[in-house]
Amino acid sequence: MLTIKCSACKSKIFKYKKIGKGRVLNCYKDRIEKDYSKHDGNKIKCKKCGKVIGMDKGTRIRMKQSAFTTSGFKD
């Protein structure tokens, strides 16, 4: 389980169940346990500061690499 946080204000964005090794490039919606983000059209934003974290692409969210940090268990 990973906690994905905003890189600007450090507030929580997602609790995400990651499978496999490697970077978080996409977050699949069925693996998101808790969603703390704000959805503005197809943009996923931080609820606290409004920074764009990723783009909604249907079944997944394409993450913007410089916009978030991760913490928790990583494979």
PDB file of N, CA and C in Angstrom:
ATOM      1  N   MET A   1       0.852  -1.179   0.000  1.00  0.00           N
ATOM      2  CA  MET A   1       0.000   0.000   0.000  1.00  0.00           C
ATOM      3  C   MET A   1       0.894   1.236   0.000  1.00  0.00           C
ATOM      4  N   LEU A   2       0.652   2.138  -0.914  1.00  0.00           N
ATOM      5  CA  LEU A   2       1.393   3.394  -1.008  1.00  0.00           C
ATOM      6  C   LEU A   2       0.480   4.557  -0.632  1.00  0.00           C
ATOM      7  N   THR A   3       1.066   5.559  -0.037  1.00  0.00           N
ATOM      8  CA  THR A   3       0.387   6.832   0.153  1.00  0.00           C
ATOM      9  C   THR A   3       1.005   7.797  -0.839  1.00  0.00           C
ATOM     10  N   ILE A   4       0.189   8.345  -1.715  1.00  0.00           N
ATOM     11  CA  ILE A   4       0.648   9.312  -2.710  1.00  0.00           C
ATOM     12  C   ILE A   4       0.286  10.692  -2.197  1.00  0.00           C
ATOM     13  N   LYS A   5       1.314  11.566  -2.107  1.00  0.00           N
ATOM     14  CA  LYS A   5       1.137  12.908  -1.556  1.00  0.00           C
ATOM     15  C   LYS A   5       1.542  13.962  -2.568  1.00  0.00           C
ATOM     16  N   CYS A   6       0.958  15.135  -2.428  1.00  0.00           N
ATOM     17  CA  CYS A   6       1.298  16.287  -3.257  1.00  0.00           C
ATOM     18  C   CYS A   6       2.733  16.722  -2.934  1.00  0.00           C
ATOM     19  N   SER A   7       3.528  16.982  -3.952  1.00  0.00           N
ATOM     20  CA  SER A   7       4.910  17.397  -3.710  1.00  0.00           C
ATOM     21  C   SER A   7       4.998  18.843  -3.220  1.00  0.00           C
ATOM     22  N   ALA A   8       3.984  19.635  -3.467  1.00  0.00           N
ATOM     23  CA  ALA A   8       4.014  21.047  -3.058  1.00  0.00           C
ATOM     24  C   ALA A   8       3.619  21.238  -1.595  1.00  0.00           C
ATOM     25  N   CYS A   9       2.499  20.648  -1.182  1.00  0.00           N
ATOM     26  CA  CYS A   9       1.989  20.909   0.170  1.00  0.00           C
ATOM     27  C   CYS A   9       1.982  19.677   1.072  1.00  0.00           C
ATOM     28  N   LYS A  10       2.370  18.520   0.538  1.00  0.00           N
ATOM     29  CA  LYS A  10       2.476  17.259   1.294  1.00  0.00           C
ATOM     30  C   LYS A  10       1.145  16.698   1.796  1.00  0.00           C
ATOM     31  N   SER A  11       0.029  17.138   1.259  1.00  0.00           N
ATOM     32  CA  SER A  11      -1.260  16.565   1.673  1.00  0.00           C
ATOM     33  C   SER A  11      -1.518  15.277   0.874  1.00  0.00           C
ATOM     34  N   LYS A  12      -2.306  14.374   1.442  1.00  0.00           N
ATOM     35  CA  LYS A  12      -2.594  13.083   0.817  1.00  0.00           C
ATOM     36  C   LYS A  12      -3.437  13.255  -0.438  1.00  0.00           C
ATOM     37  N   ILE A  13      -3.112  12.452  -1.451  1.00  0.00           N
ATOM     38  CA  ILE A  13      -3.871  12.429  -2.693  1.00  0.00           C
ATOM     39  C   ILE A  13      -4.617  11.093  -2.814  1.00  0.00           C
ATOM     40  N   PHE A  14      -3.887   9.976  -2.677  1.00  0.00           N
ATOM     41  CA  PHE A  14      -4.463   8.634  -2.776  1.00  0.00           C
ATOM     42  C   PHE A  14      -3.833   7.708  -1.757  1.00  0.00           C
ATOM     43  N   LYS A  15      -4.592   6.672  -1.386  1.00  0.00           N
ATOM     44  CA  LYS A  15      -4.063   5.448  -0.792  1.00  0.00           C
ATOM     45  C   LYS A  15      -4.169   4.452  -1.933  1.00  0.00           C
ATOM     46  N   TYR A  16      -3.034   3.909  -2.393  1.00  0.00           N
ATOM     47  CA  TYR A  16      -2.995   3.130  -3.626  1.00  0.00           C
ATOM     48  C   TYR A  16      -2.354   1.772  -3.410  1.00  0.00           C
ATOM     49  N   LYS A  17      -2.989   0.733  -3.930  1.00  0.00           N
ATOM     50  CA  LYS A  17      -2.466  -0.627  -3.845  1.00  0.00           C
ATOM     51  C   LYS A  17      -1.617  -0.898  -5.078  1.00  0.00           C
ATOM     52  N   LYS A  18      -0.295  -0.792  -4.912  1.00  0.00           N
ATOM     53  CA  LYS A  18       0.629  -0.980  -6.034  1.00  0.00           C
ATOM     54  C   LYS A  18       0.963  -2.447  -6.193  1.00  0.00           C
ATOM     55  N   ILE A  19       1.000  -2.896  -7.431  1.00  0.00           N
ATOM     56  CA  ILE A  19       1.373  -4.266  -7.761  1.00  0.00           C
ATOM     57  C   ILE A  19       2.581  -4.213  -8.682  1.00  0.00           C
ATOM     58  N   GLY A  20       3.622  -4.921  -8.328  1.00  0.00           N
ATOM     59  CA  GLY A  20       4.812  -4.982  -9.169  1.00  0.00           C
ATOM     60  C   GLY A  20       5.847  -3.940  -8.802  1.00  0.00           C
ATOM     61  N   LYS A  21       6.961  -4.032  -9.509  1.00  0.00           N
ATOM     62  CA  LYS A  21       8.087  -3.140  -9.260  1.00  0.00           C
ATOM     63  C   LYS A  21       8.034  -1.950 -10.206  1.00  0.00           C
ATOM     64  N   GLY A  22       8.832  -0.948  -9.891  1.00  0.00           N
ATOM     65  CA  GLY A  22       8.952   0.195 -10.780  1.00  0.00           C
ATOM     66  C   GLY A  22       8.252   1.433 -10.264  1.00  0.00           C
ATOM     67  N   ARG A  23       8.339   2.480 -11.065  1.00  0.00           N
ATOM     68  CA  ARG A  23       7.759   3.771 -10.709  1.00  0.00           C
ATOM     69  C   ARG A  23       6.245   3.769 -10.859  1.00  0.00           C
ATOM     70  N   VAL A  24       5.621   4.738 -10.240  1.00  0.00           N
ATOM     71  CA  VAL A  24       4.176   4.930 -10.389  1.00  0.00           C
ATOM     72  C   VAL A  24       3.971   5.873 -11.574  1.00  0.00           C
ATOM     73  N   LEU A  25       3.617   5.292 -12.721  1.00  0.00           N
ATOM     74  CA  LEU A  25       3.353   6.083 -13.921  1.00  0.00           C
ATOM     75  C   LEU A  25       1.857   6.276 -14.112  1.00  0.00           C
ATOM     76  N   ASN A  26       1.103   5.235 -13.769  1.00  0.00           N
ATOM     77  CA  ASN A  26      -0.354   5.249 -13.867  1.00  0.00           C
ATOM     78  C   ASN A  26      -0.929   4.734 -12.563  1.00  0.00           C
ATOM     79  N   CYS A  27      -2.043   5.291 -12.145  1.00  0.00           N
ATOM     80  CA  CYS A  27      -2.787   4.763 -11.009  1.00  0.00           C
ATOM     81  C   CYS A  27      -4.092   4.224 -11.564  1.00  0.00           C
ATOM     82  N   TYR A  28      -4.279   2.919 -11.441  1.00  0.00           N
ATOM     83  CA  TYR A  28      -5.505   2.298 -11.919  1.00  0.00           C
ATOM     84  C   TYR A  28      -6.605   2.523 -10.892  1.00  0.00           C
ATOM     85  N   LYS A  29      -7.749   2.972 -11.351  1.00  0.00           N
ATOM     86  CA  LYS A  29      -8.833   3.402 -10.461  1.00  0.00           C
ATOM     87  C   LYS A  29      -9.331   2.281  -9.553  1.00  0.00           C
ATOM     88  N   ASP A  30      -9.300   1.039 -10.020  1.00  0.00           N
ATOM     89  CA  ASP A  30      -9.777  -0.062  -9.188  1.00  0.00           C
ATOM     90  C   ASP A  30      -8.807  -0.414  -8.058  1.00  0.00           C
ATOM     91  N   ARG A  31      -7.584   0.112  -8.094  1.00  0.00           N
ATOM     92  CA  ARG A  31      -6.601  -0.119  -7.032  1.00  0.00           C
ATOM     93  C   ARG A  31      -6.522   1.035  -6.031  1.00  0.00           C
ATOM     94  N   ILE A  32      -7.239   2.110  -6.256  1.00  0.00           N
ATOM     95  CA  ILE A  32      -7.236   3.242  -5.327  1.00  0.00           C
ATOM     96  C   ILE A  32      -8.169   2.916  -4.173  1.00  0.00           C
ATOM     97  N   GLU A  33      -7.604   2.827  -2.968  1.00  0.00           N
ATOM     98  CA  GLU A  33      -8.387   2.485  -1.779  1.00  0.00           C
ATOM     99  C   GLU A  33      -9.121   3.713  -1.228  1.00  0.00           C
ATOM    100  N   LYS A  34      -8.420   4.848  -1.122  1.00  0.00           N
ATOM    101  CA  LYS A  34      -9.005   6.114  -0.647  1.00  0.00           C
ATOM    102  C   LYS A  34      -8.584   7.213  -1.607  1.00  0.00           C
ATOM    103  N   ASP A  35      -9.513   8.059  -1.966  1.00  0.00           N
ATOM    104  CA  ASP A  35      -9.247   9.171  -2.882  1.00  0.00           C
ATOM    105  C   ASP A  35      -9.485  10.480  -2.138  1.00  0.00           C
ATOM    106  N   TYR A  36      -8.414  11.239  -1.926  1.00  0.00           N
ATOM    107  CA  TYR A  36      -8.501  12.534  -1.251  1.00  0.00           C
ATOM    108  C   TYR A  36      -8.392  13.690  -2.250  1.00  0.00           C
ATOM    109  N   SER A  37      -8.361  13.386  -3.541  1.00  0.00           N
ATOM    110  CA  SER A  37      -8.109  14.401  -4.564  1.00  0.00           C
ATOM    111  C   SER A  37      -9.375  15.133  -4.981  1.00  0.00           C
ATOM    112  N   LYS A  38      -9.170  16.180  -5.772  1.00  0.00           N
ATOM    113  CA  LYS A  38     -10.263  16.967  -6.341  1.00  0.00           C
ATOM    114  C   LYS A  38     -10.267  16.715  -7.845  1.00  0.00           C
ATOM    115  N   HIS A  39     -11.424  16.370  -8.402  1.00  0.00           N
ATOM    116  CA  HIS A  39     -11.546  16.089  -9.828  1.00  0.00           C
ATOM    117  C   HIS A  39     -12.155  17.309 -10.518  1.00  0.00           C
ATOM    118  N   ASP A  40     -11.410  17.843 -11.489  1.00  0.00           N
ATOM    119  CA  ASP A  40     -11.843  19.017 -12.242  1.00  0.00           C
ATOM    120  C   ASP A  40     -11.823  18.649 -13.723  1.00  0.00           C
ATOM    121  N   GLY A  41     -12.950  18.154 -14.220  1.00  0.00           N
ATOM    122  CA  GLY A  41     -12.980  17.638 -15.593  1.00  0.00           C
ATOM    123  C   GLY A  41     -12.142  16.380 -15.643  1.00  0.00           C
ATOM    124  N   ASN A  42     -11.141  16.349 -16.526  1.00  0.00           N
ATOM    125  CA  ASN A  42     -10.257  15.185 -16.572  1.00  0.00           C
ATOM    126  C   ASN A  42      -8.956  15.417 -15.801  1.00  0.00           C
ATOM    127  N   LYS A  43      -8.838  16.541 -15.116  1.00  0.00           N
ATOM    128  CA  LYS A  43      -7.651  16.831 -14.311  1.00  0.00           C
ATOM    129  C   LYS A  43      -7.863  16.379 -12.873  1.00  0.00           C
ATOM    130  N   ILE A  44      -6.829  15.759 -12.301  1.00  0.00           N
ATOM    131  CA  ILE A  44      -6.842  15.356 -10.903  1.00  0.00           C
ATOM    132  C   ILE A  44      -5.950  16.346 -10.169  1.00  0.00           C
ATOM    133  N   LYS A  45      -6.519  17.034  -9.181  1.00  0.00           N
ATOM    134  CA  LYS A  45      -5.805  18.093  -8.475  1.00  0.00           C
ATOM    135  C   LYS A  45      -5.721  17.810  -6.985  1.00  0.00           C
ATOM    136  N   CYS A  46      -4.748  18.435  -6.348  1.00  0.00           N
ATOM    137  CA  CYS A  46      -4.635  18.400  -4.895  1.00  0.00           C
ATOM    138  C   CYS A  46      -5.780  19.225  -4.314  1.00  0.00           C
ATOM    139  N   LYS A  47      -6.445  18.665  -3.307  1.00  0.00           N
ATOM    140  CA  LYS A  47      -7.580  19.355  -2.697  1.00  0.00           C
ATOM    141  C   LYS A  47      -7.154  20.604  -1.938  1.00  0.00           C
ATOM    142  N   LYS A  48      -5.943  20.585  -1.385  1.00  0.00           N
ATOM    143  CA  LYS A  48      -5.474  21.690  -0.552  1.00  0.00           C
ATOM    144  C   LYS A  48      -4.896  22.850  -1.365  1.00  0.00           C
ATOM    145  N   CYS A  49      -3.946  22.564  -2.287  1.00  0.00           N
ATOM    146  CA  CYS A  49      -3.267  23.657  -3.004  1.00  0.00           C
ATOM    147  C   CYS A  49      -3.686  23.800  -4.468  1.00  0.00           C
ATOM    148  N   GLY A  50      -4.385  22.795  -5.041  1.00  0.00           N
ATOM    149  CA  GLY A  50      -4.874  22.899  -6.411  1.00  0.00           C
ATOM    150  C   GLY A  50      -3.890  22.504  -7.490  1.00  0.00           C
ATOM    151  N   LYS A  51      -2.723  21.976  -7.122  1.00  0.00           N
ATOM    152  CA  LYS A  51      -1.727  21.561  -8.107  1.00  0.00           C
ATOM    153  C   LYS A  51      -2.242  20.345  -8.885  1.00  0.00           C
ATOM    154  N   VAL A  52      -2.013  20.328 -10.208  1.00  0.00           N
ATOM    155  CA  VAL A  52      -2.440  19.213 -11.044  1.00  0.00           C
ATOM    156  C   VAL A  52      -1.499  18.032 -10.799  1.00  0.00           C
ATOM    157  N   ILE A  53      -2.075  16.887 -10.413  1.00  0.00           N
ATOM    158  CA  ILE A  53      -1.318  15.678 -10.091  1.00  0.00           C
ATOM    159  C   ILE A  53      -1.312  14.711 -11.263  1.00  0.00           C
ATOM    160  N   GLY A  54      -2.409  14.664 -12.012  1.00  0.00           N
ATOM    161  CA  GLY A  54      -2.510  13.739 -13.135  1.00  0.00           C
ATOM    162  C   GLY A  54      -3.726  14.015 -13.996  1.00  0.00           C
ATOM    163  N   MET A  55      -3.879  13.166 -15.018  1.00  0.00           N
ATOM    164  CA  MET A  55      -4.987  13.296 -15.961  1.00  0.00           C
ATOM    165  C   MET A  55      -5.784  11.993 -15.984  1.00  0.00           C
ATOM    166  N   ASP A  56      -7.108  12.104 -15.947  1.00  0.00           N
ATOM    167  CA  ASP A  56      -7.995  10.953 -15.985  1.00  0.00           C
ATOM    168  C   ASP A  56      -8.058  10.419 -17.410  1.00  0.00           C
ATOM    169  N   LYS A  57      -7.709   9.150 -17.571  1.00  0.00           N
ATOM    170  CA  LYS A  57      -7.709   8.513 -18.895  1.00  0.00           C
ATOM    171  C   LYS A  57      -8.674   7.335 -18.953  1.00  0.00           C
ATOM    172  N   GLY A  58      -9.784   7.413 -18.228  1.00  0.00           N
ATOM    173  CA  GLY A  58     -10.784   6.339 -18.247  1.00  0.00           C
ATOM    174  C   GLY A  58     -10.604   5.398 -17.070  1.00  0.00           C
ATOM    175  N   THR A  59      -9.938   4.259 -17.291  1.00  0.00           N
ATOM    176  CA  THR A  59      -9.738   3.278 -16.220  1.00  0.00           C
ATOM    177  C   THR A  59      -8.496   3.563 -15.387  1.00  0.00           C
ATOM    178  N   ARG A  60      -7.703   4.551 -15.810  1.00  0.00           N
ATOM    179  CA  ARG A  60      -6.460   4.867 -15.102  1.00  0.00           C
ATOM    180  C   ARG A  60      -6.256   6.372 -15.009  1.00  0.00           C
ATOM    181  N   ILE A  61      -5.331   6.756 -14.152  1.00  0.00           N
ATOM    182  CA  ILE A  61      -4.939   8.157 -14.027  1.00  0.00           C
ATOM    183  C   ILE A  61      -3.473   8.242 -14.404  1.00  0.00           C
ATOM    184  N   ARG A  62      -3.161   9.003 -15.429  1.00  0.00           N
ATOM    185  CA  ARG A  62      -1.782   9.203 -15.870  1.00  0.00           C
ATOM    186  C   ARG A  62      -1.167  10.245 -14.950  1.00  0.00           C
ATOM    187  N   MET A  63      -0.167   9.823 -14.154  1.00  0.00           N
ATOM    188  CA  MET A  63       0.416  10.673 -13.130  1.00  0.00           C
ATOM    189  C   MET A  63       1.497  11.587 -13.698  1.00  0.00           C
ATOM    190  N   LYS A  64       1.548  12.814 -13.203  1.00  0.00           N
ATOM    191  CA  LYS A  64       2.580  13.788 -13.557  1.00  0.00           C
ATOM    192  C   LYS A  64       3.728  13.584 -12.560  1.00  0.00           C
ATOM    193  N   GLN A  65       4.876  13.123 -13.020  1.00  0.00           N
ATOM    194  CA  GLN A  65       5.951  12.642 -12.153  1.00  0.00           C
ATOM    195  C   GLN A  65       6.478  13.670 -11.149  1.00  0.00           C
ATOM    196  N   SER A  66       6.543  14.918 -11.505  1.00  0.00           N
ATOM    197  CA  SER A  66       7.096  15.926 -10.592  1.00  0.00           C
ATOM    198  C   SER A  66       6.071  16.453  -9.593  1.00  0.00           C
ATOM    199  N   ALA A  67       4.821  16.009  -9.695  1.00  0.00           N
ATOM    200  CA  ALA A  67       3.737  16.586  -8.893  1.00  0.00           C
ATOM    201  C   ALA A  67       3.443  15.826  -7.611  1.00  0.00           C
ATOM    202  N   PHE A  68       4.056  14.639  -7.418  1.00  0.00           N
ATOM    203  CA  PHE A  68       3.709  13.841  -6.246  1.00  0.00           C
ATOM    204  C   PHE A  68       4.918  13.104  -5.689  1.00  0.00           C
ATOM    205  N   THR A  69       4.784  12.662  -4.442  1.00  0.00           N
ATOM    206  CA  THR A  69       5.767  11.796  -3.799  1.00  0.00           C
ATOM    207  C   THR A  69       5.021  10.578  -3.272  1.00  0.00           C
ATOM    208  N   THR A  70       5.763   9.507  -3.005  1.00  0.00           N
ATOM    209  CA  THR A  70       5.147   8.299  -2.476  1.00  0.00           C
ATOM    210  C   THR A  70       5.814   7.913  -1.163  1.00  0.00           C
ATOM    211  N   SER A  71       5.053   7.254  -0.313  1.00  0.00           N
ATOM    212  CA  SER A  71       5.599   6.705   0.922  1.00  0.00           C
ATOM    213  C   SER A  71       4.832   5.431   1.241  1.00  0.00           C
ATOM    214  N   GLY A  72       5.461   4.564   2.006  1.00  0.00           N
ATOM    215  CA  GLY A  72       4.822   3.303   2.351  1.00  0.00           C
ATOM    216  C   GLY A  72       5.575   2.138   1.784  1.00  0.00           C
ATOM    217  N   PHE A  73       4.954   0.993   1.749  1.00  0.00           N
ATOM    218  CA  PHE A  73       5.591  -0.229   1.274  1.00  0.00           C
ATOM    219  C   PHE A  73       5.738  -0.199  -0.235  1.00  0.00           C
ATOM    220  N   LYS A  74       6.963  -0.435  -0.718  1.00  0.00           N
ATOM    221  CA  LYS A  74       7.227  -0.487  -2.157  1.00  0.00           C
ATOM    222  C   LYS A  74       7.857  -1.838  -2.479  1.00  0.00           C
ATOM    223  N   ASP A  75       7.427  -2.479  -3.564  1.00  0.00           N
ATOM    224  CA  ASP A  75       8.001  -3.764  -3.983  1.00  0.00           C
ATOM    225  C   ASP A  75       9.407  -3.594  -4.482  1.00  0.00           C
TER     226      ASP A  75
END
